[in-house]
Each structure stands twice: as C-alpha cells, then as structure tokens.
Protein backbone atom coordinates (compact mmCIF):
# COMPACT_ATOMS: atom_id res chain seq x y z
CA UNK A 1 14.58 17.14 -1.35
CA UNK A 2 11.54 19.14 -2.49
CA UNK A 3 12.76 18.70 -6.07
CA UNK A 4 13.14 14.95 -5.49
CA UNK A 5 9.60 14.66 -4.11
CA UNK A 6 8.17 16.72 -6.98
CA UNK A 7 9.94 14.50 -9.51
CA UNK A 8 8.65 11.31 -7.82
CA UNK A 9 5.14 12.79 -7.98
CA UNK A 10 5.67 13.54 -11.69
CA UNK A 11 6.74 9.93 -12.34
CA UNK A 12 3.53 8.62 -10.75
CA UNK A 13 1.01 11.02 -12.29
CA UNK A 14 0.50 8.89 -15.46
CA UNK A 15 -0.59 6.04 -13.15
CA UNK A 16 -3.21 8.32 -11.52
CA UNK A 17 -1.19 8.25 -8.31
CA UNK A 18 -0.19 11.46 -6.56
CA UNK A 19 2.78 11.60 -4.18
CA UNK A 20 2.53 14.40 -1.62
CA UNK A 21 5.43 15.43 0.63
CA UNK A 22 4.20 15.88 4.21
CA UNK A 23 7.49 16.05 6.07
CA UNK A 24 11.24 16.30 5.71
CA UNK A 25 13.49 15.30 8.60
CA UNK A 26 17.25 15.85 8.51
CA UNK A 27 19.43 13.97 10.98
CA UNK A 28 22.15 16.59 11.10
CA UNK A 29 23.83 15.71 14.43
CA UNK A 30 23.56 11.93 14.56
CA UNK A 31 21.67 9.12 12.89
CA UNK A 32 18.64 7.91 14.86
CA UNK A 33 19.23 4.33 13.71
CA UNK A 34 22.34 2.34 12.91
CA UNK A 35 22.99 2.70 9.17
CA UNK A 36 25.46 0.05 8.00
CA UNK A 37 26.42 -1.83 4.85
CA UNK A 38 23.50 -4.28 5.07
CA UNK A 39 20.41 -2.98 3.21
CA UNK A 40 18.18 -5.56 4.92
CA UNK A 41 19.27 -4.66 8.45
CA UNK A 42 19.14 -0.92 7.73
CA UNK A 43 15.64 -1.26 6.27
CA UNK A 44 14.38 -3.23 9.26
CA UNK A 45 15.83 -0.70 11.72
CA UNK A 46 14.35 2.20 9.78
CA UNK A 47 10.90 0.59 9.66
CA UNK A 48 11.04 -0.09 13.40
CA UNK A 49 12.01 3.57 14.00
CA UNK A 50 9.16 4.73 11.74
CA UNK A 51 6.61 2.66 13.66
CA UNK A 52 7.96 3.62 17.08
CA UNK A 53 8.95 7.28 16.59
CA UNK A 54 7.66 8.79 13.35
CA UNK A 55 4.07 7.57 13.02
CA UNK A 56 3.01 8.86 16.47
CA UNK A 57 4.31 12.32 15.47
CA UNK A 58 3.02 12.52 11.90
CA UNK A 59 0.34 10.44 10.24
CA UNK A 60 1.44 9.36 6.75
CA UNK A 61 1.35 6.46 4.30
CA UNK A 62 5.01 5.82 3.56
CA UNK A 63 8.49 6.94 4.61
CA UNK A 64 11.72 6.75 2.61
CA UNK A 65 15.24 7.03 4.04
CA UNK A 66 17.93 8.50 1.77
CA UNK A 67 21.54 7.92 2.82
CA UNK A 68 24.86 9.22 1.54
CA UNK A 69 26.85 6.02 2.12
CA UNK A 70 26.71 2.85 0.02
CA UNK A 71 25.42 -0.66 0.76
CA UNK A 72 27.26 -3.91 0.13
CA UNK A 73 27.45 -4.95 -3.51
CA UNK A 74 25.47 -3.05 -6.13
CA UNK A 75 22.29 -2.50 -4.08
CA UNK A 76 21.15 1.14 -4.13
CA UNK A 77 17.80 0.66 -2.38
CA UNK A 78 15.51 -1.78 -0.64
CA UNK A 79 11.81 -1.89 0.25
CA UNK A 80 9.16 -4.30 1.48
CA UNK A 81 7.00 -5.72 -1.31
CA UNK A 82 3.26 -4.85 -1.31
CA UNK A 83 3.39 -3.03 2.03
CA UNK A 84 2.06 0.45 1.27
CA UNK A 85 -0.69 0.54 3.89
CA UNK A 86 1.14 -1.49 6.53
CA UNK A 87 1.82 0.25 9.81
CA UNK A 88 5.14 -1.51 10.29
CA UNK A 89 6.44 -2.24 6.75
CA UNK A 90 5.54 0.76 4.55
CA UNK A 91 8.87 2.32 3.67
CA UNK A 92 12.22 1.95 1.98
CA UNK A 93 15.89 2.89 2.13
CA UNK A 94 17.71 4.57 -0.77
CA UNK A 95 21.32 5.45 -1.59
CA UNK A 96 22.02 8.91 -2.99
CA UNK A 97 24.21 7.34 -5.67
CA UNK A 98 23.85 9.89 -8.48
CA UNK A 99 24.56 13.61 -8.53
CA UNK A 100 21.27 14.49 -10.25
CA UNK A 101 17.84 14.95 -8.69
CA UNK A 102 16.49 12.70 -11.43
CA UNK A 103 18.65 9.78 -10.31
CA UNK A 104 17.65 9.96 -6.65
CA UNK A 105 13.99 10.44 -7.58
CA UNK A 106 14.07 7.40 -9.86
CA UNK A 107 15.51 5.25 -7.05
CA UNK A 108 12.86 6.46 -4.58
CA UNK A 109 10.13 5.87 -7.19
CA UNK A 110 11.51 2.34 -7.72
CA UNK A 111 11.41 1.43 -4.01
CA UNK A 112 8.01 3.10 -3.61
CA UNK A 113 6.88 0.94 -6.53
CA UNK A 114 7.83 -2.19 -4.58
CA UNK A 115 5.77 -0.87 -1.64
CA UNK A 116 2.85 -0.50 -4.07
CA UNK A 117 3.18 -4.09 -5.28
CA UNK A 118 5.32 -3.64 -8.40
CA UNK A 119 7.92 -6.27 -9.28
CA UNK A 120 10.99 -5.89 -11.49
CA UNK A 121 10.74 -5.60 -15.27
CA UNK A 122 12.52 -8.83 -16.19
CA UNK A 123 13.05 -10.20 -19.70
CA UNK A 124 10.83 -13.20 -18.89
CA UNK A 125 7.85 -10.95 -18.18
CA UNK A 126 7.90 -9.35 -21.63
CA UNK A 127 7.29 -5.83 -20.33
CA UNK A 128 6.65 -2.98 -22.75
CA UNK A 129 8.67 0.16 -21.97
CA UNK A 130 8.02 3.37 -23.90
CA UNK A 131 11.42 4.83 -22.97
CA UNK A 132 14.54 3.82 -24.92
CA UNK A 133 17.34 2.08 -22.96
CA UNK A 134 19.79 4.84 -23.94
CA UNK A 135 17.44 7.31 -22.24
CA UNK A 136 17.24 5.27 -19.04
CA UNK A 137 14.51 2.75 -19.80
CA UNK A 138 11.81 2.16 -17.19
CA UNK A 139 11.78 2.74 -13.44
CA UNK A 140 11.22 -0.85 -12.26
CA UNK A 141 14.12 -2.41 -14.19
CA UNK A 142 16.33 -4.52 -11.87
CA UNK A 143 19.40 -2.32 -12.28
CA UNK A 144 20.06 1.26 -13.27
CA UNK A 145 22.67 2.67 -15.61
CA UNK A 146 24.11 6.14 -16.02
CA UNK A 147 20.68 7.39 -17.11
CA UNK A 148 17.95 6.49 -14.58
CA UNK A 149 14.55 5.06 -15.53
CA UNK A 150 11.87 7.68 -16.06
CA UNK A 151 8.66 5.82 -17.02
CA UNK A 152 6.64 2.89 -15.72
CA UNK A 153 6.28 -0.14 -17.98
CA UNK A 154 3.20 -2.15 -18.88
CA UNK A 155 4.19 -4.69 -16.20
CA UNK A 156 4.31 -1.98 -13.52
CA UNK A 157 0.84 -0.77 -14.49
CA UNK A 158 -0.48 -4.33 -14.36
CA UNK A 159 1.16 -4.99 -10.98
CA UNK A 160 -0.32 -1.80 -9.53
CA UNK A 161 -3.83 -2.61 -10.77
CA UNK A 162 -3.60 -6.13 -9.35
CA UNK A 163 -2.35 -4.82 -6.01
CA UNK A 164 -5.21 -2.32 -5.74
CA UNK A 165 -7.81 -4.92 -6.69
CA UNK A 166 -6.52 -7.16 -3.88
CA UNK A 167 -6.88 -4.37 -1.32
CA UNK A 168 -3.28 -3.18 -1.30
CA UNK A 169 -4.19 0.51 -1.42
CA UNK A 170 -6.64 0.91 1.44
CA UNK A 171 -4.86 4.00 2.78
CA UNK A 172 -4.62 5.79 -0.57
CA UNK A 173 -8.11 7.26 -0.85
CA UNK A 174 -7.63 10.32 1.35
CA UNK A 175 -6.28 13.65 0.11
CA UNK A 176 -3.93 15.51 2.52
CA UNK A 177 -5.12 18.83 3.88
CA UNK A 178 -3.47 21.82 2.12
CA UNK A 179 -1.78 22.97 5.32
CA UNK A 180 -0.10 19.57 5.65
CA UNK A 181 1.85 19.88 2.39
CA UNK A 182 5.44 21.07 2.26
CA UNK A 183 6.50 23.52 -0.42
CA UNK A 184 3.77 26.18 -0.19
CA UNK A 185 0.54 26.71 -2.17
CA UNK A 186 0.60 26.94 -5.95
CA UNK A 187 -2.26 27.05 -8.46
CA UNK A 188 -1.78 24.20 -10.91
CA UNK A 189 -0.36 21.54 -8.57
CA UNK A 190 -3.66 19.59 -8.48
CA UNK A 191 -4.18 20.25 -4.75
CA UNK A 192 -6.91 22.62 -3.55
CA UNK A 193 -5.16 25.03 -1.19
CA UNK A 194 -6.11 28.16 0.73
CA UNK A 195 -7.81 30.68 -1.58
CA UNK A 196 -8.58 28.07 -4.26
CA UNK A 197 -11.96 26.54 -5.10
CA UNK A 198 -10.52 23.93 -7.45
CA UNK A 199 -7.23 22.93 -9.05
CA UNK A 200 -7.20 20.98 -12.30
CA UNK A 201 -3.49 21.31 -12.98
CA UNK A 202 -1.65 23.41 -15.51
CA UNK A 203 -3.42 24.98 -18.49
CA UNK A 204 -2.23 22.31 -20.92
CA UNK A 205 -3.33 19.40 -18.69
CA UNK A 206 -6.66 20.68 -17.30
CA UNK A 207 -9.77 19.00 -18.75
CA UNK A 208 -12.24 19.94 -16.01
CA UNK A 209 -15.20 21.94 -17.41
CA UNK A 210 -16.08 23.11 -13.89
CA UNK A 211 -12.71 24.73 -13.05
CA UNK A 212 -10.80 27.71 -14.42
CA UNK A 213 -7.18 26.55 -14.62
CA UNK A 214 -5.80 30.10 -14.63
CA UNK A 215 -7.48 31.22 -11.41
CA UNK A 216 -8.22 27.91 -9.64
CA UNK A 217 -11.80 29.15 -9.20
CA UNK A 218 -15.04 27.40 -10.15
CA UNK A 219 -16.73 28.55 -13.35
CA UNK A 220 -20.05 30.44 -12.94
CA UNK A 221 -22.96 28.32 -11.55
CA UNK A 222 -20.66 25.38 -10.70
CA UNK A 223 -20.97 23.92 -7.18
CA UNK A 224 -17.92 21.69 -7.42
CA UNK A 225 -15.11 20.50 -9.66
CA UNK A 226 -15.39 17.24 -11.55
CA UNK A 227 -12.29 15.69 -9.96
CA UNK A 228 -14.49 14.59 -7.05
CA UNK A 229 -16.62 11.46 -7.49
CA UNK A 230 -19.42 13.14 -5.51
CA UNK A 231 -19.68 15.85 -8.19
CA UNK A 232 -21.70 15.30 -11.38
CA UNK A 233 -22.05 17.91 -14.12
CA UNK A 234 -20.57 20.52 -11.74
CA UNK A 235 -23.31 19.82 -9.14
CA UNK A 236 -23.02 17.97 -5.81
CA UNK A 237 -24.50 14.50 -5.65
CA UNK A 238 -27.19 13.84 -3.06
CA UNK A 239 -26.22 12.59 0.38
CA UNK A 240 -26.12 8.82 0.68
CA UNK A 241 -24.92 8.03 -2.84
CA UNK A 242 -22.41 5.18 -2.51
CA UNK A 243 -19.13 6.56 -3.80
CA UNK A 244 -16.82 3.66 -2.95
CA UNK A 245 -17.64 -0.04 -2.87
CA UNK A 246 -15.98 -2.20 -0.22
CA UNK A 247 -12.90 -4.00 -1.53
CA UNK A 248 -13.44 -7.37 0.11
CA UNK A 249 -14.90 -8.41 3.45
CA UNK A 250 -12.44 -6.36 5.52
CA UNK A 251 -13.37 -3.07 3.84
CA UNK A 252 -16.41 -0.82 4.39
CA UNK A 253 -18.45 1.31 1.93
CA UNK A 254 -18.37 5.11 1.87
CA UNK A 255 -21.14 7.55 0.89
CA UNK A 256 -21.33 11.12 -0.41
CA UNK A 257 -22.13 13.68 2.29
CA UNK A 258 -24.10 16.03 0.04
CA UNK A 259 -21.81 18.91 1.00
CA UNK A 260 -18.45 17.83 -0.45
CA UNK A 261 -17.46 16.71 -3.96
CA UNK A 262 -15.12 14.11 -2.46
CA UNK A 263 -15.81 10.66 -1.14
CA UNK A 264 -14.97 10.39 2.59
CA UNK A 265 -11.58 8.96 3.50
CA UNK A 266 -11.49 5.20 3.20
CA UNK A 267 -12.11 3.25 6.40
CA UNK A 268 -12.04 -0.49 6.90
CA UNK A 269 -12.46 -3.05 9.66
CA UNK A 270 -9.97 -2.59 12.45
CA UNK A 271 -7.08 -5.03 12.73
CA UNK A 272 -8.13 -8.20 14.51
CA UNK A 273 -11.73 -8.37 13.27
CA UNK A 274 -12.45 -11.97 12.15
CA UNK A 275 -12.89 -12.81 8.46
CA UNK A 276 -13.33 -15.92 6.33
CA UNK A 277 -15.81 -17.36 8.77
CA UNK A 278 -13.61 -16.67 11.78
CA UNK A 279 -10.59 -18.58 10.49
CA UNK A 280 -8.54 -15.44 9.72
CA UNK A 281 -8.23 -11.82 10.79
CA UNK A 282 -8.40 -8.48 9.03
CA UNK A 283 -5.10 -6.63 8.78
CA UNK A 284 -4.79 -3.20 7.13
CA UNK A 285 -8.10 -3.73 5.34
CA UNK A 286 -7.24 -7.15 3.90
CA UNK A 287 -8.22 -10.62 5.09
CA UNK A 288 -4.73 -11.92 5.82
CA UNK A 289 -5.31 -15.63 5.33
CA UNK A 290 -2.93 -18.35 4.22
CA UNK A 291 -5.44 -19.52 1.60
CA UNK A 292 -5.57 -16.06 0.00
CA UNK A 293 -1.79 -15.85 -0.12
CA UNK A 294 -1.53 -19.30 -1.72
CA UNK A 295 -4.05 -18.28 -4.37
CA UNK A 296 -2.02 -15.18 -5.22
CA UNK A 297 1.02 -17.41 -5.86
CA UNK A 298 -0.55 -20.52 -7.35
CA UNK A 299 -4.02 -19.57 -8.60
CA UNK A 300 -7.61 -19.90 -7.42
CA UNK A 301 -7.46 -23.67 -6.84
CA UNK A 302 -4.65 -23.45 -4.30
CA UNK A 303 -5.04 -23.64 -0.51
CA UNK A 304 -2.71 -23.70 2.47
CA UNK A 305 -0.87 -26.96 2.94
CA UNK A 306 -1.50 -29.18 5.98
CA UNK A 307 0.31 -28.25 9.18
CA UNK A 308 2.73 -31.15 8.76
CA UNK A 309 4.14 -29.38 5.68
CA UNK A 310 5.01 -26.28 7.68
CA UNK A 311 6.49 -28.42 10.47
CA UNK A 312 8.70 -30.45 8.14
CA UNK A 313 9.69 -28.04 5.34
CA UNK A 314 10.24 -24.84 7.34
CA UNK A 315 12.67 -26.56 9.68
CA UNK A 316 14.97 -27.35 6.73
CA UNK A 317 16.52 -23.90 6.54
CA UNK A 318 16.70 -23.74 2.73
CA UNK A 319 15.20 -21.33 0.18
CA UNK A 320 11.89 -23.23 0.14
CA UNK A 321 11.53 -23.59 3.89
CA UNK A 322 12.87 -21.09 6.41
CA UNK A 323 12.09 -18.31 8.87
CA UNK A 324 14.27 -15.65 7.26
CA UNK A 325 17.73 -15.09 5.86
CA UNK A 326 21.06 -14.10 7.40
CA UNK A 327 23.31 -11.34 6.07
CA UNK A 328 25.64 -13.95 4.57
CA UNK A 329 22.76 -15.41 2.52
CA UNK A 330 22.18 -18.51 4.65
CA UNK A 331 18.64 -19.39 5.71
CA UNK A 332 17.31 -19.61 9.26
CA UNK A 333 15.47 -22.85 10.15
CA UNK A 334 12.18 -22.27 11.95
CA UNK A 335 11.74 -23.36 15.53
CA UNK A 336 8.85 -25.69 16.26
CA UNK A 337 6.82 -22.79 17.64
CA UNK A 338 7.31 -20.61 14.54
CA UNK A 339 7.00 -23.06 11.63
CA UNK A 340 3.69 -21.59 10.39
CA UNK A 341 5.06 -18.04 10.45
CA UNK A 342 7.92 -18.68 8.02
CA UNK A 343 7.82 -19.73 4.38
CA UNK A 344 4.36 -20.14 2.88
CA UNK A 345 3.48 -23.79 2.12
CA UNK A 346 0.60 -24.49 -0.26
CA UNK A 347 -1.12 -27.31 -2.10
CA UNK A 348 -2.98 -27.44 -5.42
CA UNK A 349 -3.10 -24.64 -7.96
CA UNK A 350 -1.39 -24.09 -11.30
CA UNK A 351 2.10 -23.62 -12.68
CA UNK A 352 4.14 -21.20 -10.61
CA UNK A 353 5.26 -17.98 -12.35
CA UNK A 354 8.04 -17.03 -9.94
CA UNK A 355 11.71 -17.87 -10.14
CA UNK A 356 11.42 -21.49 -8.99
CA UNK A 357 9.26 -23.81 -6.95
CA UNK A 358 9.62 -27.14 -5.21
CA UNK A 359 7.11 -29.83 -4.32
CA UNK A 360 7.84 -31.89 -1.21
CA UNK A 361 5.96 -35.05 -0.23
CA UNK A 362 5.76 -35.61 3.53
CA UNK A 363 4.62 -38.99 4.84
CA UNK A 364 2.86 -39.16 8.21
CA UNK A 365 0.95 -42.15 9.59
CA UNK A 366 1.05 -43.88 6.17
CA UNK A 367 -0.46 -40.79 4.47
CA UNK A 368 1.36 -38.67 1.89
CA UNK A 369 0.99 -34.88 2.05
CA UNK A 370 1.98 -32.62 -0.85
CA UNK A 371 3.70 -29.35 0.08
CA UNK A 372 4.44 -26.64 -2.49
CA UNK A 373 7.00 -23.97 -1.65
CA UNK A 374 8.02 -20.99 -3.77
CA UNK A 375 11.21 -19.06 -4.28
CA UNK A 376 11.44 -15.57 -5.78
CA UNK A 377 14.62 -14.03 -7.13
CA UNK A 378 13.37 -10.44 -7.30
CA UNK A 379 16.67 -8.77 -6.57
CA UNK A 380 18.39 -7.52 -3.47
CA UNK A 381 15.97 -4.63 -2.92
CA UNK A 382 12.76 -6.64 -2.33
CA UNK A 383 11.64 -8.70 0.63
CA UNK A 384 10.41 -12.24 -0.12
CA UNK A 385 6.68 -12.28 -1.08
CA UNK A 386 6.55 -16.05 -0.55
CA UNK A 387 6.89 -15.67 3.22
CA UNK A 388 3.73 -15.72 5.35
CA UNK A 389 2.43 -12.13 5.23
CA UNK A 390 2.38 -9.77 8.20
CA UNK A 391 -0.90 -9.91 10.11
CA UNK A 392 -1.73 -13.49 9.15
CA UNK A 393 -3.22 -15.77 11.79
CA UNK A 394 -0.48 -18.29 11.17
CA UNK A 395 -0.67 -20.14 14.50
CA UNK A 396 -2.35 -19.79 17.90
CA UNK A 397 -0.97 -16.73 19.67
CA UNK A 398 1.28 -15.83 16.74
CA UNK A 399 -0.56 -12.73 15.53
CA UNK A 400 -0.85 -9.54 17.55
CA UNK A 401 -4.52 -8.75 17.08
CA UNK A 402 -7.04 -6.88 19.18
CA UNK A 403 -10.09 -9.02 19.82
CA UNK A 404 -13.25 -7.03 20.47
CA UNK A 405 -15.39 -8.10 23.43
CA UNK A 406 -19.12 -7.69 22.85
CA UNK A 407 -21.51 -7.17 25.75
CA UNK A 408 -24.74 -7.08 23.76
CA UNK A 409 -26.25 -8.09 20.44
CA UNK A 410 -23.75 -7.17 17.70
CA UNK A 411 -25.14 -4.29 15.63
CA UNK A 412 -21.83 -2.98 14.30
CA UNK A 413 -18.25 -3.65 13.38
CA UNK A 414 -15.26 -1.53 14.36
CA UNK A 415 -13.57 0.40 11.56
CA UNK A 416 -9.94 1.41 11.14
CA UNK A 417 -10.52 4.69 13.02
CA UNK A 418 -11.84 2.67 16.00
CA UNK A 419 -15.38 4.00 15.45
CA UNK A 420 -18.52 1.90 15.10
CA UNK A 421 -19.78 1.16 11.58
CA UNK A 422 -23.45 0.40 12.25
CA UNK A 423 -25.52 -2.26 10.53
CA UNK A 424 -28.48 -1.07 8.46
CA UNK A 425 -31.22 -0.10 10.91
CA UNK A 426 -28.89 1.35 13.55
CA UNK A 427 -27.59 4.90 13.94
CA UNK A 428 -24.00 6.08 14.43
CA UNK A 429 -21.99 6.89 16.42
CA UNK A 430 -22.64 4.04 18.90
CA UNK A 431 -25.32 1.96 17.10
CA UNK A 432 -27.61 1.89 20.15
CA UNK A 433 -30.65 3.45 18.48
CA UNK A 434 -32.48 2.91 15.21
CA UNK A 435 -31.13 4.66 12.13
CA UNK A 436 -29.83 4.28 8.59
CA UNK A 437 -26.49 2.63 9.36
CA UNK A 438 -22.93 3.60 8.47
CA UNK A 439 -20.47 5.54 10.64
CA UNK A 440 -19.26 9.05 11.40
CA UNK A 441 -16.40 8.36 8.97
CA UNK A 442 -18.16 6.79 5.99
CA UNK A 443 -20.83 9.42 5.30
CA UNK A 444 -24.62 9.08 5.72
CA UNK A 445 -26.35 5.95 4.44
CA UNK A 446 -29.82 7.47 4.24
CA UNK A 447 -30.99 8.70 0.85
CA UNK A 448 -33.84 11.05 -0.13
CA UNK A 449 -37.06 9.32 -1.16
CA UNK A 450 -37.07 8.24 -4.78
CA UNK A 451 -33.29 8.41 -5.16
CA UNK A 452 -31.61 5.12 -6.04
CA UNK A 453 -28.20 4.03 -4.84
CA UNK A 454 -25.30 3.88 -7.25
CA UNK A 455 -21.71 2.87 -6.86
CA UNK A 456 -18.48 3.28 -8.74
CA UNK A 457 -16.11 0.49 -9.81
CA UNK A 458 -13.94 -1.03 -7.12
CA UNK A 459 -10.78 0.78 -8.28
CA UNK A 460 -11.09 4.60 -8.14
CA UNK A 461 -9.42 6.80 -10.72
CA UNK A 462 -6.61 8.36 -8.73
CA UNK A 463 -4.60 7.59 -5.59
CA UNK A 464 -2.54 9.82 -3.29
CA UNK A 465 0.42 8.67 -1.21
CA UNK A 466 1.52 10.83 1.72
CA UNK A 467 5.23 10.54 2.28
CA UNK A 468 7.78 11.99 4.71
CA UNK A 469 11.45 12.20 3.69
CA UNK A 470 14.05 11.67 6.39
CA UNK A 471 17.59 12.87 5.87
CA UNK A 472 20.16 11.33 8.16
CA UNK A 473 23.60 12.71 8.89
CA UNK A 474 24.49 10.24 6.17
CA UNK A 475 21.14 10.63 4.41
CA UNK A 476 17.48 11.87 4.44
CA UNK A 477 13.98 10.66 5.47
CA UNK A 478 10.99 11.56 3.28
CA UNK A 479 7.44 11.31 4.65
CA UNK A 480 5.01 10.70 1.80
CA UNK A 481 1.30 10.43 1.20
CA UNK A 482 -0.07 8.74 -1.91
CA UNK A 483 -3.65 9.46 -2.92
CA UNK A 484 -6.28 8.05 -5.22
CA UNK A 485 -8.30 11.19 -5.91
C-alpha cells in the first residue's frame, strides 16, 4: 500500500498536488461496513463510517477503500464528484482489479480525481492526452484497459483549476507534520522532516537556490527555502504580509507570521455562517447556494427556478426530477417535504454542456414557469453533480447548520477551527479589545510602519492532500492528505 500511495503522489506531482499517506488500516478479522456488489451502496456506507469512526480518530482530507472483490458490471471504483473538502463525502471505493501496483494506483488516482472535481475524458470534450493509448492513455478516461492510465489530460488540468477557483480545495493548503507521515523520513521526498531544514526533491528536480538537495540543508546565509510563499530571496517576509487571498465570501485571508516561510493553514467561515445576504449558508468554505450551482451548470445568467418547479418536476421520479436512484436504476420521486433537496432546477442561462437537459413549463394560477433540469452521464463511478449540493439551504429546516447566537455588537466571524476571526480594529483571540484584526489561525494582520500589503493570486502553486488507506478483509482503506504547498 505504501507503493500505491507513492505512485498516486507521483501521478499528481505534475499538477502541483502532493498526496501524503497519513494512515493505513487493514480490516483483517472482519469488514467494518457491509461490502457488497453495489458500488453506490458500498461507497455510501464507507463514507458514513469515515465520518462516524475515522475522522474523530485521525484528521485527514480524503479516505479511499480498496477491496478485493468485484462490483456489479464493469465498475472498478466510485467516488463523489467535487467533494474533496467535505466532511461527509470526501472519499472513494476501489477494486483491486489488476496485479500491478500501477493499476491499483491509477484507479485510486482516478477516483481521487473525481473528488477533486475532475470529470471523464470523453471524446466530446476533445481532451489532449500526452500518453499513447497503447501505453494506457490518461487517468480520467471512462474505462481502463490492460495498461492503466498514467497521466492527466488537458481536461483534467482544466477541471482541477476550475474546481480550485470555485473554492473546492479549501482544505488543501496545509502541509502535514513530518511525524504524521507513514513510510519514514527521506531527503528528496519534498517534505521537511526531522533533521532537515528544507527539501526541494531529488537532485534532478530541485530548482530552489536556497536549498542544498543533497543534504536537505539551507545554503549559507539563507533563512528559508523558496518553496514557502512567505520566503523571498531566501529571506523571511515581514509579519502581516497577506499570503493568501480569500476565495469568496466564505473564506478568510491568511498572513505571514514573520517566523515561518509558510502561509498559515487555510481557515474559512464555519459551517452555518450566512452568505449571499443571508439567503444561503457557508459549507466547507463555499457559499452553498442554489443560484451558484445553477450558474456552474448553465452559466452566469442562470438562477434557481421558482419553488413550483421543484414541487412539480422532482415528484416525477425521472432522470430530470428525483431524490436519488435505486440500485436497479429506477429513480426515487421526492416527497413534498424534500422536493427542494433533490434534483437541481434552474432557469435562464446558456446551452447546457452535459449529457442532456430538459425544459419543463409549469402553469400555476395562469402563469407559466420555466424549469430547466440537467442530466449527466458521467459513468458508474461518479455521483450526480446536478443534484442539490450537500450543505445547501434548500428548504426551511433541511440543512444541518449551526447558527451562532450573538450577545453583543458583532466584531468577528467564526472560522472553520471555531475560533474568532476579528474585524479590523479588534484583537484576537476573542475580539473584545482593540487590535489589528485577524485570528490566532490566520497570522497577524498588523504590519511594520512603511510596509505595504501584498497578496498572491487566488490559486496557490501547490496543494497537498492527506489520505488514509483502509484495507478491509476484502480490501484496504487509505487515509490521504492533499496539499497545495
């Protein structure tokens, strides 16, 4: 399994994403969930187990289950689309269907790609793959042959960039501590471990003028290595320099500490904080609104459809209106209480780029309402991205959010670590007294006199995903961490 994790990490390095193995759990006596022939049911059980049992024991970004049995049909894996930083959906299930490490690693990389927002490389998308089909082609192709995919295509790179720009990588800015990594320390693995001052990779890949690749030590007179955004010309940046812009209204800025070359771990508004003028709520750092989801599908001119569309269409129980799908492929009609938590219904926008779409006209009180529903045929290993997203305030009482009660003038918001992020003019940690603002997590806001604030582009240059692998009696669970360094 260490070889599998290392190979997955190697696949993702060209995308500036690191995959770090934090845990490996083998279910040697009995499986801790029911693993059956249904990939959907097995995935849902595994994700429930991860949320209930694994996350409280080990903090991580993503978990992958590897099993020795097969699923129905030709499915060799399944994952939730665009769910990397979700507490309850970030993971996948994989079949150990090939004898080689390369084959298993390619399957895990494929499902992890879905978690990161990548879709399949279909002919219609015109993806460019730099690996010949006879050598396996690319990782996100819908099906695999005898030789597994080994590279990511132009479409995968585009999908990842789009996902990050929309806030899909909020958890990927932190680097795991060296003692958290499985496999032992090694100079050249791009992680700074005990006894090292820097690590710029192997001799032939190191381009850091501040670090000696042979010794993993800083060169003379260097304070830091250039892989950290808070390091410039081998010297630490001053405290208070903005090193990460907020990605949307549910994210928070971070600042250099003046003592570390790295930007503090990313923090964002805690789940349940209001956004979009109080009409929606923040969830995993993203404003989970129906309007935003419609715009992702139909373009910037699209908005959520009127409530009557959800009430009428989602009770139909077809591919354009439903509350889920049964194992036999049939669709589940929504109950009256759940119609706004099923299939996404929109209005306006442009031509749909998915598999198919349908426009329904609903007449109520002599008024016609236009409802646009979408259908994706992304393969058996991806959940439907046209369903209302997790965390969305889809109806009264239909989102589990924590509403903060305020007993005085609001001088702060709560971040994802449940600490106060103070407004400018108030001091952390509790924002009761005057100060520069910020939080104990984001770094100091105050800057020395005469020093101007700067910021970097919204998308940093490297991500890290922390991942645990779990191995059941029939398979394995891998606990991963992905990082944007």
